[in-house]
Protein backbone atom coordinates (compact mmCIF):
# COMPACT_ATOMS: atom_id res chain seq x y z
CA MET A 1 14.09 -5.07 -0.48
CA GLN A 2 14.51 -2.06 1.78
CA ASN A 3 14.62 -2.27 5.53
CA ARG A 4 11.16 -2.27 7.01
CA GLU A 5 12.20 0.30 9.65
CA LYS A 6 12.58 2.94 6.93
CA CYS A 7 9.22 2.19 5.29
CA ASP A 8 5.82 3.32 6.50
CA LYS A 9 3.29 0.59 7.12
CA LEU A 10 0.10 0.79 5.07
CA VAL A 11 -3.25 0.08 6.74
CA VAL A 12 -5.44 -2.73 5.39
CA LYS A 13 -9.15 -2.38 6.20
CA ASP A 14 -11.74 -5.03 5.28
CA GLY A 15 -9.23 -6.62 2.91
CA TYR A 16 -8.48 -3.40 0.97
CA ALA A 17 -5.48 -1.09 1.19
CA VAL A 18 -6.18 2.33 2.71
CA CYS A 19 -4.65 5.43 1.11
CA PRO A 20 -2.17 7.07 3.53
CA VAL A 21 -3.08 10.54 2.20
CA CYS A 22 -6.90 10.66 2.28
CA ARG A 23 -7.54 7.56 4.48
CA ARG A 24 -10.10 6.06 2.06
CA LYS A 25 -10.09 2.48 0.79
CA THR A 26 -8.48 1.88 -2.60
CA ASN A 27 -9.60 -0.72 -5.16
CA GLN A 28 -6.57 -2.91 -4.39
CA ALA A 29 -7.58 -6.03 -2.43
CA ILE A 30 -4.96 -7.47 -0.07
CA ARG A 31 -5.26 -11.10 1.01
CA PRO A 32 -3.19 -12.66 3.82
CA ASP A 33 -1.10 -14.58 1.26
CA THR A 34 -0.49 -11.61 -1.09
CA GLU A 35 3.12 -10.99 -2.17
CA ALA A 36 4.21 -8.01 -4.33
CA LYS A 37 7.32 -5.92 -4.85
CA ASN A 38 7.30 -2.35 -6.21
CA LEU A 39 3.54 -2.37 -6.81
CA GLN A 40 1.94 0.92 -7.86
CA LEU A 41 -1.04 1.68 -5.63
CA TRP A 42 -3.35 4.36 -7.05
CA CYS A 43 -6.05 6.14 -5.04
CA ARG A 44 -9.05 7.13 -7.11
CA SER A 45 -10.19 9.69 -4.51
CA CYS A 46 -7.10 11.87 -4.13
CA LYS A 47 -5.23 10.69 -7.29
CA ALA A 48 -2.09 9.83 -5.29
CA VAL A 49 0.24 7.08 -6.51
CA HIS A 50 2.35 5.11 -4.03
CA ILE A 51 4.96 2.41 -4.58
CA VAL A 52 4.40 -0.41 -2.06
CA ASN A 53 5.88 -3.76 -1.12
CA ILE A 54 3.51 -6.44 0.18
CA ALA A 55 4.80 -9.43 2.14
CA SER A 56 2.46 -11.90 3.87
CA GLY A 57 -0.45 -9.47 3.71
CA GLN A 58 1.54 -6.63 5.32
CA CYS A 59 1.94 -3.49 3.17
CA TYR A 60 4.90 -1.12 3.32
CA VAL A 61 5.00 2.24 1.48
CA ILE A 62 8.32 2.75 -0.30
CA SER A 63 7.67 6.15 -1.92
CA ARG A 64 4.99 8.52 -3.12
CA CYS A 65 4.97 9.36 -6.84
CA ARG A 66 2.34 12.12 -6.99
């Protein structure tokens, strides 16, 4: 896993991940015990795809695909 200093932190609002591009909630629910590595996060509003790591409910953006 990459260093967290190099990754941008993703905002979680009302239990859902917020798109870093358009600032709208995505359909991906994030619980406090959620764990994921290299998860594709897709925003239906702006059609952006991000690769994220989730550890203990904290989301970190690794890269943007589109």
